[in-house]
Every structure is written in C-alpha cells, then in structure tokens.
C-alpha cells in the first residue's frame, strides 16, 4: 500500500511527518492517515505532491514496476537511473565515490582481472 512506502521513504530520508507534510503542501493529519492506511486511495495530485517532496517518481510510491529489468548494459543503466531519484545527497555522494573507485580500478587493473576485485 502507498502508506507503507511513503513512511518507509520518509524515514530513509530522515524527515518528520510535519516536514514532509509541509514540503508536500498537505495537512499533517491527512499524511498521517495515508501512512497508517486509513486513507488508502489518495488522489493522483496528492501522490504527485508526495513524490515531488520525497524526490521520487510517483510509481515508486505506488510500488509499480517502472520497467522490466534485463541483464544488458542498457538495462543496468536504466535500473540505476530509476533509483537515483530516490537517493538523498549523502547516498548520491556514496554512489559517486563508489563509481570513482570502479573507474580508478579499471585504470589500474586489466579488465579481465576486474571481476576478482569487486
């Protein structure tokens, strides 16, 4: 249900109920009802406001699959792109640091040996 996802993402982003309600421009009591699954059918307008305030795609709140994931490089890239919008600034920095390490290793180690290091 949407309430569980909203609360989960709100907690991951370390936002209080009041902070999220203010950012989404909805009443705190209404947000509380959504999170407790008392209001199980918020309007698309409310879903969009919450998604924008949480910096995620509305489909994430609705637990919809955005796209079937495959195993190719394009599918991996699309998977990463779909999750980037859910990351906070600290998580984005950690991701960038991880990418920097992979790029650094690629320059220092032959690609055939790269799989053993990661």
Protein backbone atom coordinates (compact mmCIF):
# COMPACT_ATOMS: atom_id res chain seq x y z
CA UNK A 1 0.00 0.00 0.00
CA UNK A 2 1.08 3.56 -0.61
CA UNK A 3 1.14 4.46 3.08
CA UNK A 4 3.84 1.95 3.92
CA UNK A 5 6.02 3.16 1.00
CA UNK A 6 5.56 6.84 1.91
CA UNK A 7 6.53 6.19 5.52
CA UNK A 8 9.48 3.98 4.54
CA UNK A 9 10.93 6.59 2.17
CA UNK A 10 10.20 9.42 4.61
CA UNK A 11 12.11 7.57 7.33
CA UNK A 12 15.02 6.80 4.96
CA UNK A 13 15.27 10.50 4.16
CA UNK A 14 15.07 11.33 7.90
CA UNK A 15 12.04 13.57 7.51
CA UNK A 16 9.45 14.08 10.21
CA UNK A 17 5.77 13.79 9.42
CA UNK A 18 5.49 17.57 9.79
CA UNK A 19 8.40 18.24 7.45
CA UNK A 20 7.01 16.02 4.71
CA UNK A 21 3.50 17.44 5.08
CA UNK A 22 4.91 20.96 4.76
CA UNK A 23 7.05 20.07 1.72
CA UNK A 24 4.12 18.32 0.02
CA UNK A 25 1.73 21.11 0.99
CA UNK A 26 -0.81 18.72 2.52
CA UNK A 27 -2.25 18.55 6.01
CA UNK A 28 -0.19 16.65 8.57
CA UNK A 29 -3.30 14.75 9.71
CA UNK A 30 -4.03 13.69 6.11
CA UNK A 31 -0.44 12.48 5.67
CA UNK A 32 -0.72 10.56 8.94
CA UNK A 33 -3.91 8.90 7.68
CA UNK A 34 -2.15 7.92 4.45
CA UNK A 35 0.82 6.42 6.30
CA UNK A 36 -1.46 4.46 8.64
CA UNK A 37 -3.50 3.18 5.67
CA UNK A 38 -6.64 4.88 6.92
CA UNK A 39 -6.73 6.79 3.64
CA UNK A 40 -5.82 4.11 1.11
CA UNK A 41 -6.81 5.96 -2.07
CA UNK A 42 -5.20 9.42 -2.18
CA UNK A 43 -5.76 11.41 -5.36
CA UNK A 44 -3.10 11.43 -8.05
CA UNK A 45 -2.49 15.09 -7.16
CA UNK A 46 -1.56 14.06 -3.61
CA UNK A 47 0.61 11.20 -4.87
CA UNK A 48 2.44 13.61 -7.16
CA UNK A 49 2.93 16.13 -4.34
CA UNK A 50 4.33 13.43 -2.05
CA UNK A 51 6.59 12.08 -4.79
CA UNK A 52 7.95 15.54 -5.52
CA UNK A 53 8.51 16.25 -1.83
CA UNK A 54 10.29 12.91 -1.40
CA UNK A 55 12.20 13.34 -4.69
CA UNK A 56 11.00 10.04 -6.13
CA UNK A 57 8.95 9.03 -9.16
CA UNK A 58 5.23 8.61 -8.31
CA UNK A 59 5.47 4.98 -9.49
CA UNK A 60 7.87 4.31 -6.60
CA UNK A 61 5.18 5.31 -4.08
CA UNK A 62 2.64 3.13 -5.83
CA UNK A 63 5.09 0.19 -5.88
CA UNK A 64 4.71 -0.08 -9.63
CA UNK A 65 7.44 -1.58 -11.75
CA UNK A 66 8.76 1.18 -13.97
CA UNK A 67 10.33 -1.23 -16.45
CA UNK A 68 11.13 -4.90 -16.63
CA UNK A 69 14.82 -5.29 -15.83
CA UNK A 70 17.09 -7.30 -18.11
CA UNK A 71 20.76 -8.16 -17.98
CA UNK A 72 22.23 -5.91 -20.70
CA UNK A 73 24.23 -2.73 -20.17
CA UNK A 74 21.26 -0.58 -21.23
CA UNK A 75 19.02 -2.34 -18.71
CA UNK A 76 21.62 -1.84 -15.97
CA UNK A 77 21.87 1.84 -16.81
CA UNK A 78 18.08 2.24 -16.81
CA UNK A 79 17.88 0.46 -13.45
CA UNK A 80 20.42 2.86 -11.97
CA UNK A 81 18.62 5.87 -13.44
CA UNK A 82 15.30 4.75 -11.97
CA UNK A 83 16.78 4.52 -8.47
CA UNK A 84 18.87 7.70 -8.47
CA UNK A 85 15.81 9.87 -7.85
CA UNK A 86 15.21 8.06 -4.56
CA UNK A 87 18.66 8.84 -3.14
CA UNK A 88 19.37 11.64 -0.72
CA UNK A 89 22.50 13.80 -1.01
CA UNK A 90 24.62 11.56 1.24
CA UNK A 91 23.64 8.46 -0.74
CA UNK A 92 24.43 10.27 -4.01
CA UNK A 93 27.89 11.14 -2.67
CA UNK A 94 28.45 7.50 -1.67
CA UNK A 95 27.39 6.40 -5.16
CA UNK A 96 29.78 8.86 -6.77
CA UNK A 97 32.61 7.66 -4.52
CA UNK A 98 31.85 4.06 -5.49
CA UNK A 99 31.89 4.96 -9.18
CA UNK A 100 35.20 6.77 -8.71
CA UNK A 101 36.68 3.61 -7.17
CA UNK A 102 35.46 1.42 -10.04
CA UNK A 103 36.87 3.87 -12.60
CA UNK A 104 40.16 4.03 -10.72
CA UNK A 105 40.41 0.23 -10.54
CA UNK A 106 39.65 -0.03 -14.24
CA UNK A 107 42.66 2.19 -14.97
CA UNK A 108 44.97 0.27 -12.62
CA UNK A 109 43.90 -3.32 -13.26
CA UNK A 110 43.34 -5.16 -16.55
CA UNK A 111 39.63 -5.54 -17.26
CA UNK A 112 39.99 -9.35 -17.24
CA UNK A 113 41.00 -9.17 -13.55
CA UNK A 114 38.45 -6.56 -12.51
CA UNK A 115 35.77 -9.11 -11.56
CA UNK A 116 38.01 -10.57 -8.85
CA UNK A 117 38.39 -7.20 -7.10
CA UNK A 118 34.79 -6.09 -6.87
